[in-house]
Amino acid sequence: MGTWAWGNQFLWGYDPSQDPELQATFEAAVAAGLLTFDTADSYGTGRFNGRSEALLGRYVAALAPERRASVCVATKLAPFPWRLGRQGYRRAFEASKQRLGGRIDLVQLHWSTARYAPWQEGPLLDGLADLVQRGEAGALGVSNMGPRRLRTVHRRLADRGVRLSSLQVQLSLLAAEPIGAGGVADVCRELGIQLIAYSPLALGLLARPLNRQTWPAGPRGTLFRRLAPALVDLQAEMARIAGGQPGGLAAVALNWCRAHGAMPIPGLRRPAQVEEAAAALRWTLNPEERARLDGLALALQARMPANPFQSD
């Protein structure tokens, strides 16, 4: 479960009045067995910066001890330009840990700086590896890296005896590049790295009923209007698969990610959305369904915008 929307006013229209429903959503997710929660120190816009981590920490703390122990708390630290050197993340890590109630099971580099400040990334990664080796964080992951950079980082960490646990990238039926030949999905399988798919529902577009005529407000609505006309064939195939399975279109999109070895982390804000996501765990795509969706996804001309910090 992703928590990007928690505290984000610009894209998701966050308001503190939503907090009780967000807590109910979190509790429903835990009850349904969705136990990995991903956040970041940069989540939350304006005066709500850090809100996502703070809310997650509060909700985890409210769980019964046995439930709390079953949850995985993951966060990402942004390589802002002023975070430099092997100790560049020290203050940020301590601040995140405090907001999260003293616990970080997976700490992740939020994006690669290889394309614009390659000298910055290595020392920051070494600092994160230090945290794992000292037991201050449970495991180390990275985000927004392509195949070449992923191999380089994996070698660097392996040389000092630190396992690279995960890679998080944008992956959905509207952002299928990672599953292409030689893509990061192949590299993750080869190196034993857990692939995490963020935005697996393409900001919610892939979960929309086919006959819905209204659009979200703001930038999401603008993007949906631009992409929707090109998705007729893909959505028809998704609807055909969804017809005999629980969870609707959302479950199809999530199970497509799972069929490629990825753990999808959909952003959930309402308990009803948890029900759709949890339903995906009750079935899987068969090889023919996956192949048809692969063909449609890779042939699409309309794609989700690429992350500008994604490395090669």
C-alpha atoms as a PDB file:
ATOM      1  CA  MET A   1       0.000   0.000   0.000  1.00  0.00           C
ATOM      2  CA  GLY A   2       1.405   3.369  -1.056  1.00  0.00           C
ATOM      3  CA  THR A   3       0.807   6.562   0.929  1.00  0.00           C
ATOM      4  CA  TRP A   4       1.826   9.265  -1.571  1.00  0.00           C
ATOM      5  CA  ALA A   5      -1.650  10.818  -1.394  1.00  0.00           C
ATOM      6  CA  TRP A   6      -1.528  11.264   2.383  1.00  0.00           C
ATOM      7  CA  GLY A   7      -0.709  14.949   2.808  1.00  0.00           C
ATOM      8  CA  ASN A   8      -0.607  15.748  -0.927  1.00  0.00           C
ATOM      9  CA  GLN A   9      -2.918  18.661  -1.698  1.00  0.00           C
ATOM     10  CA  PHE A  10      -1.702  19.387  -5.225  1.00  0.00           C
ATOM     11  CA  LEU A  11      -2.516  16.075  -6.896  1.00  0.00           C
ATOM     12  CA  TRP A  12      -4.811  14.341  -4.415  1.00  0.00           C
ATOM     13  CA  GLY A  13      -6.634  17.175  -2.643  1.00  0.00           C
ATOM     14  CA  TYR A  14      -5.589  16.117   0.839  1.00  0.00           C
ATOM     15  CA  ASP A  15      -7.293  17.742   3.822  1.00  0.00           C
ATOM     16  CA  PRO A  16      -6.773  16.829   7.506  1.00  0.00           C
ATOM     17  CA  SER A  17     -10.486  16.031   7.742  1.00  0.00           C
ATOM     18  CA  GLN A  18      -9.656  12.906   5.717  1.00  0.00           C
ATOM     19  CA  ASP A  19      -7.405  11.482   8.445  1.00  0.00           C
ATOM     20  CA  PRO A  20     -10.069   9.285  10.119  1.00  0.00           C
ATOM     21  CA  GLU A  21     -10.918   7.679   6.769  1.00  0.00           C
ATOM     22  CA  LEU A  22      -7.223   7.185   6.045  1.00  0.00           C
ATOM     23  CA  GLN A  23      -6.829   5.424   9.390  1.00  0.00           C
ATOM     24  CA  ALA A  24      -9.851   3.242   8.629  1.00  0.00           C
ATOM     25  CA  THR A  25      -8.265   2.427   5.261  1.00  0.00           C
ATOM     26  CA  PHE A  26      -4.972   1.528   6.928  1.00  0.00           C
ATOM     27  CA  GLU A  27      -6.731  -0.719   9.447  1.00  0.00           C
ATOM     28  CA  ALA A  28      -8.743  -2.407   6.709  1.00  0.00           C
ATOM     29  CA  ALA A  29      -5.533  -3.071   4.783  1.00  0.00           C
ATOM     30  CA  VAL A  30      -3.860  -4.700   7.776  1.00  0.00           C
ATOM     31  CA  ALA A  31      -6.939  -6.820   8.412  1.00  0.00           C
ATOM     32  CA  ALA A  32      -6.935  -7.909   4.767  1.00  0.00           C
ATOM     33  CA  GLY A  33      -3.280  -8.956   4.869  1.00  0.00           C
ATOM     34  CA  LEU A  34      -1.848  -5.976   2.971  1.00  0.00           C
ATOM     35  CA  LEU A  35       1.078  -5.451   5.318  1.00  0.00           C
ATOM     36  CA  THR A  36       3.740  -3.438   3.472  1.00  0.00           C
ATOM     37  CA  PHE A  37       3.290   0.342   3.709  1.00  0.00           C
ATOM     38  CA  ASP A  38       5.464   2.622   1.600  1.00  0.00           C
ATOM     39  CA  THR A  39       6.020   6.320   2.295  1.00  0.00           C
ATOM     40  CA  ALA A  40       8.754   8.959   1.828  1.00  0.00           C
ATOM     41  CA  ASP A  41      10.195  11.913   3.661  1.00  0.00           C
ATOM     42  CA  SER A  42       9.198  14.169   0.747  1.00  0.00           C
ATOM     43  CA  TYR A  43       5.525  13.118   0.735  1.00  0.00           C
ATOM     44  CA  GLY A  44       3.161  15.893   1.714  1.00  0.00           C
ATOM     45  CA  THR A  45       2.918  19.268   0.014  1.00  0.00           C
ATOM     46  CA  GLY A  46       3.464  22.702   1.519  1.00  0.00           C
ATOM     47  CA  ARG A  47       2.718  22.839   5.230  1.00  0.00           C
ATOM     48  CA  PHE A  48       1.902  19.130   5.144  1.00  0.00           C
ATOM     49  CA  ASN A  49       5.450  18.099   4.281  1.00  0.00           C
ATOM     50  CA  GLY A  50       6.222  14.885   6.180  1.00  0.00           C
ATOM     51  CA  ARG A  51       2.524  14.268   6.846  1.00  0.00           C
ATOM     52  CA  SER A  52       2.505  10.865   5.175  1.00  0.00           C
ATOM     53  CA  GLU A  53       5.217   9.504   7.459  1.00  0.00           C
ATOM     54  CA  ALA A  54       3.609  11.072  10.526  1.00  0.00           C
ATOM     55  CA  LEU A  55       0.197   9.578   9.784  1.00  0.00           C
ATOM     56  CA  LEU A  56       1.652   6.160   9.042  1.00  0.00           C
ATOM     57  CA  GLY A  57       3.651   6.233  12.263  1.00  0.00           C
ATOM     58  CA  ARG A  58       0.533   7.178  14.223  1.00  0.00           C
ATOM     59  CA  TYR A  59      -1.567   4.435  12.651  1.00  0.00           C
ATOM     60  CA  VAL A  60       1.070   1.741  13.173  1.00  0.00           C
ATOM     61  CA  ALA A  61       1.463   2.768  16.823  1.00  0.00           C
ATOM     62  CA  ALA A  62      -2.285   2.360  17.370  1.00  0.00           C
ATOM     63  CA  LEU A  63      -2.226  -1.300  16.310  1.00  0.00           C
ATOM     64  CA  ALA A  64      -2.241  -4.131  18.826  1.00  0.00           C
ATOM     65  CA  PRO A  65       1.352  -5.358  19.432  1.00  0.00           C
ATOM     66  CA  GLU A  66       0.938  -8.598  17.471  1.00  0.00           C
ATOM     67  CA  ARG A  67      -0.517  -6.727  14.500  1.00  0.00           C
ATOM     68  CA  ARG A  68       2.201  -4.103  14.712  1.00  0.00           C
ATOM     69  CA  ALA A  69       4.879  -6.773  14.470  1.00  0.00           C
ATOM     70  CA  SER A  70       3.435  -8.081  11.201  1.00  0.00           C
ATOM     71  CA  VAL A  71       3.623  -4.742   9.378  1.00  0.00           C
ATOM     72  CA  CYS A  72       6.532  -3.669   7.163  1.00  0.00           C
ATOM     73  CA  VAL A  73       7.244   0.080   7.296  1.00  0.00           C
ATOM     74  CA  ALA A  74       9.178   1.336   4.267  1.00  0.00           C
ATOM     75  CA  THR A  75      10.265   4.887   3.544  1.00  0.00           C
ATOM     76  CA  LYS A  76      12.344   6.690   0.955  1.00  0.00           C
ATOM     77  CA  LEU A  77      14.855   9.483   1.533  1.00  0.00           C
ATOM     78  CA  ALA A  78      15.175  12.116  -1.188  1.00  0.00           C
ATOM     79  CA  PRO A  79      18.695  12.936  -2.467  1.00  0.00           C
ATOM     80  CA  PHE A  80      18.133  16.679  -2.289  1.00  0.00           C
ATOM     81  CA  PRO A  81      21.164  18.738  -3.427  1.00  0.00           C
ATOM     82  CA  TRP A  82      22.050  19.725   0.130  1.00  0.00           C
ATOM     83  CA  ARG A  83      22.263  16.115   1.292  1.00  0.00           C
ATOM     84  CA  LEU A  84      25.889  15.336   0.644  1.00  0.00           C
ATOM     85  CA  GLY A  85      28.429  12.769   1.706  1.00  0.00           C
ATOM     86  CA  ARG A  86      28.217   9.577   3.682  1.00  0.00           C
ATOM     87  CA  GLN A  87      26.452  11.390   6.540  1.00  0.00           C
ATOM     88  CA  GLY A  88      24.164  13.302   4.187  1.00  0.00           C
ATOM     89  CA  TYR A  89      21.095  11.351   5.236  1.00  0.00           C
ATOM     90  CA  ARG A  90      21.771  11.257   8.985  1.00  0.00           C
ATOM     91  CA  ARG A  91      19.422  14.068  10.027  1.00  0.00           C
ATOM     92  CA  ALA A  92      16.783  13.080   7.467  1.00  0.00           C
ATOM     93  CA  PHE A  93      16.834   9.476   8.610  1.00  0.00           C
ATOM     94  CA  GLU A  94      16.445  10.432  12.270  1.00  0.00           C
ATOM     95  CA  ALA A  95      13.553  12.771  11.413  1.00  0.00           C
ATOM     96  CA  SER A  96      11.803  10.062   9.390  1.00  0.00           C
ATOM     97  CA  LYS A  97      12.349   7.509  12.120  1.00  0.00           C
ATOM     98  CA  GLN A  98      10.826   9.845  14.700  1.00  0.00           C
ATOM     99  CA  ARG A  99       7.753  10.504  12.515  1.00  0.00           C
ATOM    100  CA  LEU A 100       7.390   6.765  11.938  1.00  0.00           C
ATOM    101  CA  GLY A 101       7.446   5.933  15.619  1.00  0.00           C
ATOM    102  CA  GLY A 102      11.038   4.730  15.814  1.00  0.00           C
ATOM    103  CA  ARG A 103      10.841   2.018  13.187  1.00  0.00           C
ATOM    104  CA  ILE A 104      12.039   1.704   9.580  1.00  0.00           C
ATOM    105  CA  ASP A 105      12.034  -1.805   8.146  1.00  0.00           C
ATOM    106  CA  LEU A 106      13.120  -0.774   4.646  1.00  0.00           C
ATOM    107  CA  VAL A 107      15.026   2.430   3.881  1.00  0.00           C
ATOM    108  CA  GLN A 108      15.266   3.414   0.213  1.00  0.00           C
ATOM    109  CA  LEU A 109      17.123   5.925  -1.939  1.00  0.00           C
ATOM    110  CA  HIS A 110      14.184   7.817  -3.450  1.00  0.00           C
ATOM    111  CA  TRP A 111      15.755   8.320  -6.864  1.00  0.00           C
ATOM    112  CA  SER A 112      19.062   7.975  -8.641  1.00  0.00           C
ATOM    113  CA  THR A 113      21.248  11.042  -9.166  1.00  0.00           C
ATOM    114  CA  ALA A 114      23.262   9.273 -11.886  1.00  0.00           C
ATOM    115  CA  ARG A 115      21.902  11.496 -14.667  1.00  0.00           C
ATOM    116  CA  TYR A 116      22.712  14.851 -13.104  1.00  0.00           C
ATOM    117  CA  ALA A 117      25.029  14.429 -10.073  1.00  0.00           C
ATOM    118  CA  PRO A 118      26.626  10.972 -10.216  1.00  0.00           C
ATOM    119  CA  TRP A 119      29.178  11.922  -7.573  1.00  0.00           C
ATOM    120  CA  GLN A 120      26.391  12.433  -5.004  1.00  0.00           C
ATOM    121  CA  GLU A 121      24.826   8.988  -5.136  1.00  0.00           C
ATOM    122  CA  GLY A 122      27.637   6.674  -4.024  1.00  0.00           C
ATOM    123  CA  PRO A 123      28.318   8.309  -0.645  1.00  0.00           C
ATOM    124  CA  LEU A 124      24.584   8.510   0.119  1.00  0.00           C
ATOM    125  CA  LEU A 125      24.203   4.805  -0.637  1.00  0.00           C
ATOM    126  CA  ASP A 126      27.181   4.036   1.584  1.00  0.00           C
ATOM    127  CA  GLY A 127      25.500   5.982   4.373  1.00  0.00           C
ATOM    128  CA  LEU A 128      22.281   3.972   3.949  1.00  0.00           C
ATOM    129  CA  ALA A 129      24.301   0.752   3.944  1.00  0.00           C
ATOM    130  CA  ASP A 130      25.914   1.862   7.207  1.00  0.00           C
ATOM    131  CA  LEU A 131      22.438   2.211   8.753  1.00  0.00           C
ATOM    132  CA  VAL A 132      21.546  -1.349   7.765  1.00  0.00           C
ATOM    133  CA  GLN A 133      24.834  -2.791   8.979  1.00  0.00           C
ATOM    134  CA  ARG A 134      24.390  -1.050  12.344  1.00  0.00           C
ATOM    135  CA  GLY A 135      20.857  -2.419  12.634  1.00  0.00           C
ATOM    136  CA  GLU A 136      19.220   1.027  12.549  1.00  0.00           C
ATOM    137  CA  ALA A 137      17.202   0.044   9.466  1.00  0.00           C
ATOM    138  CA  GLY A 138      16.050  -3.417   8.530  1.00  0.00           C
ATOM    139  CA  ALA A 139      16.954  -3.507   4.834  1.00  0.00           C
ATOM    140  CA  LEU A 140      18.093  -1.299   1.953  1.00  0.00           C
ATOM    141  CA  GLY A 141      16.308  -0.568  -1.314  1.00  0.00           C
ATOM    142  CA  VAL A 142      16.552   1.856  -4.228  1.00  0.00           C
ATOM    143  CA  SER A 143      14.066   3.525  -6.534  1.00  0.00           C
ATOM    144  CA  ASN A 144      13.842   4.811 -10.097  1.00  0.00           C
ATOM    145  CA  MET A 145      16.860   2.976 -11.493  1.00  0.00           C
ATOM    146  CA  GLY A 146      17.243   1.321 -14.862  1.00  0.00           C
ATOM    147  CA  PRO A 147      19.059  -1.938 -15.605  1.00  0.00           C
ATOM    148  CA  ARG A 148      22.586  -0.566 -15.964  1.00  0.00           C
ATOM    149  CA  ARG A 149      22.495   1.578 -12.852  1.00  0.00           C
ATOM    150  CA  LEU A 150      20.850  -1.213 -10.868  1.00  0.00           C
ATOM    151  CA  ARG A 151      23.691  -3.617 -11.686  1.00  0.00           C
ATOM    152  CA  THR A 152      26.286  -1.014 -10.703  1.00  0.00           C
ATOM    153  CA  VAL A 153      24.626  -0.302  -7.362  1.00  0.00           C
ATOM    154  CA  HIS A 154      24.111  -4.006  -6.665  1.00  0.00           C
ATOM    155  CA  ARG A 155      27.848  -4.645  -7.206  1.00  0.00           C
ATOM    156  CA  ARG A 156      28.843  -1.696  -5.008  1.00  0.00           C
ATOM    157  CA  LEU A 157      26.711  -2.901  -2.107  1.00  0.00           C
ATOM    158  CA  ALA A 158      27.657  -6.576  -2.566  1.00  0.00           C
ATOM    159  CA  ASP A 159      31.355  -5.632  -2.341  1.00  0.00           C
ATOM    160  CA  ARG A 160      30.769  -4.397   1.188  1.00  0.00           C
ATOM    161  CA  GLY A 161      28.493  -7.277   2.158  1.00  0.00           C
ATOM    162  CA  VAL A 162      25.147  -5.457   2.046  1.00  0.00           C
ATOM    163  CA  ARG A 163      22.199  -7.014   0.249  1.00  0.00           C
ATOM    164  CA  LEU A 164      20.157  -4.824  -2.090  1.00  0.00           C
ATOM    165  CA  SER A 165      16.663  -5.902  -1.099  1.00  0.00           C
ATOM    166  CA  SER A 166      14.393  -4.023  -3.482  1.00  0.00           C
ATOM    167  CA  LEU A 167      13.968  -1.758  -6.474  1.00  0.00           C
ATOM    168  CA  GLN A 168      10.919   0.477  -6.784  1.00  0.00           C
ATOM    169  CA  VAL A 169       9.915   1.762 -10.232  1.00  0.00           C
ATOM    170  CA  GLN A 170       6.808   3.019 -11.959  1.00  0.00           C
ATOM    171  CA  LEU A 171       5.195  -0.096 -13.419  1.00  0.00           C
ATOM    172  CA  SER A 172       1.695  -0.513 -14.769  1.00  0.00           C
ATOM    173  CA  LEU A 173      -0.125  -1.416 -17.949  1.00  0.00           C
ATOM    174  CA  LEU A 174       0.461   2.234 -18.920  1.00  0.00           C
ATOM    175  CA  ALA A 175       4.143   2.164 -17.941  1.00  0.00           C
ATOM    176  CA  ALA A 176       5.306  -1.246 -19.119  1.00  0.00           C
ATOM    177  CA  GLU A 177       8.934  -0.453 -19.987  1.00  0.00           C
ATOM    178  CA  PRO A 178      10.383  -2.395 -16.998  1.00  0.00           C
ATOM    179  CA  ILE A 179       9.028  -5.692 -18.362  1.00  0.00           C
ATOM    180  CA  GLY A 180      10.570  -5.230 -21.813  1.00  0.00           C
ATOM    181  CA  ALA A 181      13.498  -7.371 -22.969  1.00  0.00           C
ATOM    182  CA  GLY A 182      16.507  -6.596 -20.800  1.00  0.00           C
ATOM    183  CA  GLY A 183      14.449  -4.365 -18.527  1.00  0.00           C
ATOM    184  CA  VAL A 184      14.738  -4.103 -14.774  1.00  0.00           C
ATOM    185  CA  ALA A 185      12.233  -6.892 -14.208  1.00  0.00           C
ATOM    186  CA  ASP A 186      14.705  -9.332 -15.797  1.00  0.00           C
ATOM    187  CA  VAL A 187      17.615  -7.911 -13.801  1.00  0.00           C
ATOM    188  CA  CYS A 188      15.684  -8.154 -10.539  1.00  0.00           C
ATOM    189  CA  ARG A 189      14.887 -11.809 -11.193  1.00  0.00           C
ATOM    190  CA  GLU A 190      18.532 -12.515 -12.014  1.00  0.00           C
ATOM    191  CA  LEU A 191      19.928 -10.776  -8.923  1.00  0.00           C
ATOM    192  CA  GLY A 192      17.224 -11.767  -6.451  1.00  0.00           C
ATOM    193  CA  ILE A 193      15.958  -8.207  -5.912  1.00  0.00           C
ATOM    194  CA  GLN A 194      12.291  -7.631  -5.028  1.00  0.00           C
ATOM    195  CA  LEU A 195      10.669  -5.484  -7.712  1.00  0.00           C
ATOM    196  CA  ILE A 196       8.151  -2.995  -6.280  1.00  0.00           C
ATOM    197  CA  ALA A 197       5.639  -1.397  -8.656  1.00  0.00           C
ATOM    198  CA  TYR A 198       4.520   2.092  -7.769  1.00  0.00           C
ATOM    199  CA  SER A 199       1.507   3.713  -9.470  1.00  0.00           C
ATOM    200  CA  PRO A 200       0.291   0.238 -10.556  1.00  0.00           C
ATOM    201  CA  LEU A 201      -3.175   1.705 -11.217  1.00  0.00           C
ATOM    202  CA  ALA A 202      -1.790   4.686 -13.179  1.00  0.00           C
ATOM    203  CA  LEU A 203      -3.074   7.220 -10.623  1.00  0.00           C
ATOM    204  CA  GLY A 204      -6.416   5.407 -10.646  1.00  0.00           C
ATOM    205  CA  LEU A 205      -7.063   5.490 -14.386  1.00  0.00           C
ATOM    206  CA  LEU A 206      -6.794   1.705 -14.740  1.00  0.00           C
ATOM    207  CA  ALA A 207      -9.415   1.173 -12.025  1.00  0.00           C
ATOM    208  CA  ARG A 208     -12.053   3.489 -13.540  1.00  0.00           C
ATOM    209  CA  PRO A 209     -15.311   1.895 -14.751  1.00  0.00           C
ATOM    210  CA  LEU A 210     -15.455   1.991 -18.538  1.00  0.00           C
ATOM    211  CA  ASN A 211     -18.697   3.957 -18.644  1.00  0.00           C
ATOM    212  CA  ARG A 212     -17.726   6.682 -16.166  1.00  0.00           C
ATOM    213  CA  GLN A 213     -18.071  10.096 -17.808  1.00  0.00           C
ATOM    214  CA  THR A 214     -16.779  12.329 -15.013  1.00  0.00           C
ATOM    215  CA  TRP A 215     -13.084  13.121 -14.487  1.00  0.00           C
ATOM    216  CA  PRO A 216     -10.993  13.955 -11.415  1.00  0.00           C
ATOM    217  CA  ALA A 217     -10.268  17.597 -10.782  1.00  0.00           C
ATOM    218  CA  GLY A 218      -6.888  19.144 -11.502  1.00  0.00           C
ATOM    219  CA  PRO A 219      -3.826  17.526 -13.120  1.00  0.00           C
ATOM    220  CA  ARG A 220      -5.143  13.954 -12.822  1.00  0.00           C
ATOM    221  CA  GLY A 221      -8.245  14.834 -14.819  1.00  0.00           C
ATOM    222  CA  THR A 222      -6.144  16.502 -17.505  1.00  0.00           C
ATOM    223  CA  LEU A 223      -3.936  13.419 -17.794  1.00  0.00           C
ATOM    224  CA  PHE A 224      -6.902  11.023 -17.827  1.00  0.00           C
ATOM    225  CA  ARG A 225      -8.604  12.923 -20.659  1.00  0.00           C
ATOM    226  CA  ARG A 226      -5.417  12.765 -22.714  1.00  0.00           C
ATOM    227  CA  LEU A 227      -4.780   9.046 -22.194  1.00  0.00           C
ATOM    228  CA  ALA A 228      -8.298   7.577 -22.150  1.00  0.00           C
ATOM    229  CA  PRO A 229      -9.041   7.635 -25.924  1.00  0.00           C
ATOM    230  CA  ALA A 230      -6.079   5.327 -26.607  1.00  0.00           C
ATOM    231  CA  LEU A 231      -7.064   2.739 -24.003  1.00  0.00           C
ATOM    232  CA  VAL A 232     -10.210   1.291 -25.570  1.00  0.00           C
ATOM    233  CA  ASP A 233      -8.706  -2.056 -26.579  1.00  0.00           C
ATOM    234  CA  LEU A 234      -6.705  -2.447 -23.363  1.00  0.00           C
ATOM    235  CA  GLN A 235      -9.678  -1.667 -21.156  1.00  0.00           C
ATOM    236  CA  ALA A 236     -11.891  -4.012 -23.128  1.00  0.00           C
ATOM    237  CA  GLU A 237      -9.453  -6.860 -22.511  1.00  0.00           C
ATOM    238  CA  MET A 238      -9.183  -5.925 -18.835  1.00  0.00           C
ATOM    239  CA  ALA A 239     -12.974  -5.940 -18.556  1.00  0.00           C
ATOM    240  CA  ARG A 240     -13.154  -9.346 -20.219  1.00  0.00           C
ATOM    241  CA  ILE A 241     -10.693 -10.793 -17.684  1.00  0.00           C
ATOM    242  CA  ALA A 242     -12.348  -9.016 -14.752  1.00  0.00           C
ATOM    243  CA  GLY A 243     -15.753 -10.412 -15.637  1.00  0.00           C
ATOM    244  CA  GLY A 244     -15.147 -13.727 -13.943  1.00  0.00           C
ATOM    245  CA  GLN A 245     -12.973 -12.589 -11.043  1.00  0.00           C
ATOM    246  CA  PRO A 246     -13.321 -10.492  -7.872  1.00  0.00           C
ATOM    247  CA  GLY A 247     -11.847  -7.021  -7.580  1.00  0.00           C
ATOM    248  CA  GLY A 248     -12.822  -5.570 -10.940  1.00  0.00           C
ATOM    249  CA  LEU A 249     -10.424  -3.697 -13.195  1.00  0.00           C
ATOM    250  CA  ALA A 250      -8.161  -2.745 -10.289  1.00  0.00           C
ATOM    251  CA  ALA A 251      -7.491  -6.402  -9.500  1.00  0.00           C
ATOM    252  CA  VAL A 252      -6.606  -7.090 -13.140  1.00  0.00           C
ATOM    253  CA  ALA A 253      -4.080  -4.237 -13.172  1.00  0.00           C
ATOM    254  CA  LEU A 254      -2.546  -5.341  -9.875  1.00  0.00           C
ATOM    255  CA  ASN A 255      -2.360  -8.985 -10.922  1.00  0.00           C
ATOM    256  CA  TRP A 256      -0.620  -8.023 -14.141  1.00  0.00           C
ATOM    257  CA  CYS A 257       2.168  -6.521 -12.009  1.00  0.00           C
ATOM    258  CA  ARG A 258       2.227  -9.625  -9.821  1.00  0.00           C
ATOM    259  CA  ALA A 259       2.435 -11.834 -12.906  1.00  0.00           C
ATOM    260  CA  HIS A 260       5.747 -10.139 -13.699  1.00  0.00           C
ATOM    261  CA  GLY A 261       7.186 -10.776 -10.241  1.00  0.00           C
ATOM    262  CA  ALA A 262       6.462  -7.299  -8.896  1.00  0.00           C
ATOM    263  CA  MET A 263       4.820  -6.328  -5.625  1.00  0.00           C
ATOM    264  CA  PRO A 264       2.338  -3.565  -6.508  1.00  0.00           C
ATOM    265  CA  ILE A 265       1.794  -0.820  -3.933  1.00  0.00           C
ATOM    266  CA  PRO A 266      -1.462   0.902  -4.934  1.00  0.00           C
ATOM    267  CA  GLY A 267      -2.292   4.156  -3.248  1.00  0.00           C
ATOM    268  CA  LEU A 268      -5.394   3.543  -1.133  1.00  0.00           C
ATOM    269  CA  ARG A 269      -7.496   6.229   0.561  1.00  0.00           C
ATOM    270  CA  ARG A 270     -10.825   4.496   1.219  1.00  0.00           C
ATOM    271  CA  PRO A 271     -11.729   1.095   2.702  1.00  0.00           C
ATOM    272  CA  ALA A 272     -13.611   0.155  -0.483  1.00  0.00           C
ATOM    273  CA  GLN A 273     -10.349   0.455  -2.399  1.00  0.00           C
ATOM    274  CA  VAL A 274      -8.750  -1.967   0.046  1.00  0.00           C
ATOM    275  CA  GLU A 275     -11.434  -4.525  -0.811  1.00  0.00           C
ATOM    276  CA  GLU A 276     -10.538  -4.331  -4.525  1.00  0.00           C
ATOM    277  CA  ALA A 277      -6.811  -4.614  -3.845  1.00  0.00           C
ATOM    278  CA  ALA A 278      -7.239  -7.523  -1.438  1.00  0.00           C
ATOM    279  CA  ALA A 279      -9.429  -9.331  -3.968  1.00  0.00           C
ATOM    280  CA  ALA A 280      -6.449  -9.464  -6.320  1.00  0.00           C
ATOM    281  CA  LEU A 281      -4.743 -11.815  -3.873  1.00  0.00           C
ATOM    282  CA  ARG A 282      -7.438 -14.436  -4.419  1.00  0.00           C
ATOM    283  CA  TRP A 283      -6.582 -15.144  -8.048  1.00  0.00           C
ATOM    284  CA  THR A 284      -3.870 -14.798 -10.688  1.00  0.00           C
ATOM    285  CA  LEU A 285      -3.715 -14.219 -14.418  1.00  0.00           C
ATOM    286  CA  ASN A 286      -3.210 -17.290 -16.556  1.00  0.00           C
ATOM    287  CA  PRO A 287      -0.353 -17.216 -19.115  1.00  0.00           C
ATOM    288  CA  GLU A 288      -2.661 -16.411 -22.020  1.00  0.00           C
ATOM    289  CA  GLU A 289      -4.226 -13.467 -20.201  1.00  0.00           C
ATOM    290  CA  ARG A 290      -0.841 -12.114 -19.249  1.00  0.00           C
ATOM    291  CA  ALA A 291       0.434 -12.434 -22.816  1.00  0.00           C
ATOM    292  CA  ARG A 292      -2.563 -10.571 -24.250  1.00  0.00           C
ATOM    293  CA  LEU A 293      -2.183  -7.757 -21.747  1.00  0.00           C
ATOM    294  CA  ASP A 294       1.582  -7.617 -22.386  1.00  0.00           C
ATOM    295  CA  GLY A 295       1.017  -7.171 -26.092  1.00  0.00           C
ATOM    296  CA  LEU A 296      -1.533  -4.421 -25.616  1.00  0.00           C
ATOM    297  CA  ALA A 297       0.522  -2.605 -22.973  1.00  0.00           C
ATOM    298  CA  LEU A 298       3.787  -2.646 -24.909  1.00  0.00           C
ATOM    299  CA  ALA A 299       2.064  -1.462 -28.102  1.00  0.00           C
ATOM    300  CA  LEU A 300       0.374   1.545 -26.504  1.00  0.00           C
ATOM    301  CA  GLN A 301       1.332   4.944 -27.842  1.00  0.00           C
ATOM    302  CA  ALA A 302      -0.216   6.688 -24.820  1.00  0.00           C
ATOM    303  CA  ARG A 303       1.882   6.162 -21.713  1.00  0.00           C
ATOM    304  CA  MET A 304       2.116   7.529 -18.215  1.00  0.00           C
ATOM    305  CA  PRO A 305       4.671  10.346 -17.940  1.00  0.00           C
ATOM    306  CA  ALA A 306       8.111   8.951 -17.139  1.00  0.00           C
ATOM    307  CA  ASN A 307       9.771   9.874 -13.866  1.00  0.00           C
ATOM    308  CA  PRO A 308      12.319  12.589 -14.765  1.00  0.00           C
ATOM    309  CA  PHE A 309      14.842  11.099 -12.328  1.00  0.00           C
ATOM    310  CA  GLN A 310      14.658   7.573 -13.743  1.00  0.00           C
ATOM    311  CA  SER A 311      18.181   6.413 -14.635  1.00  0.00           C
ATOM    312  CA  ASP A 312      19.167   4.058 -17.464  1.00  0.00           C
END
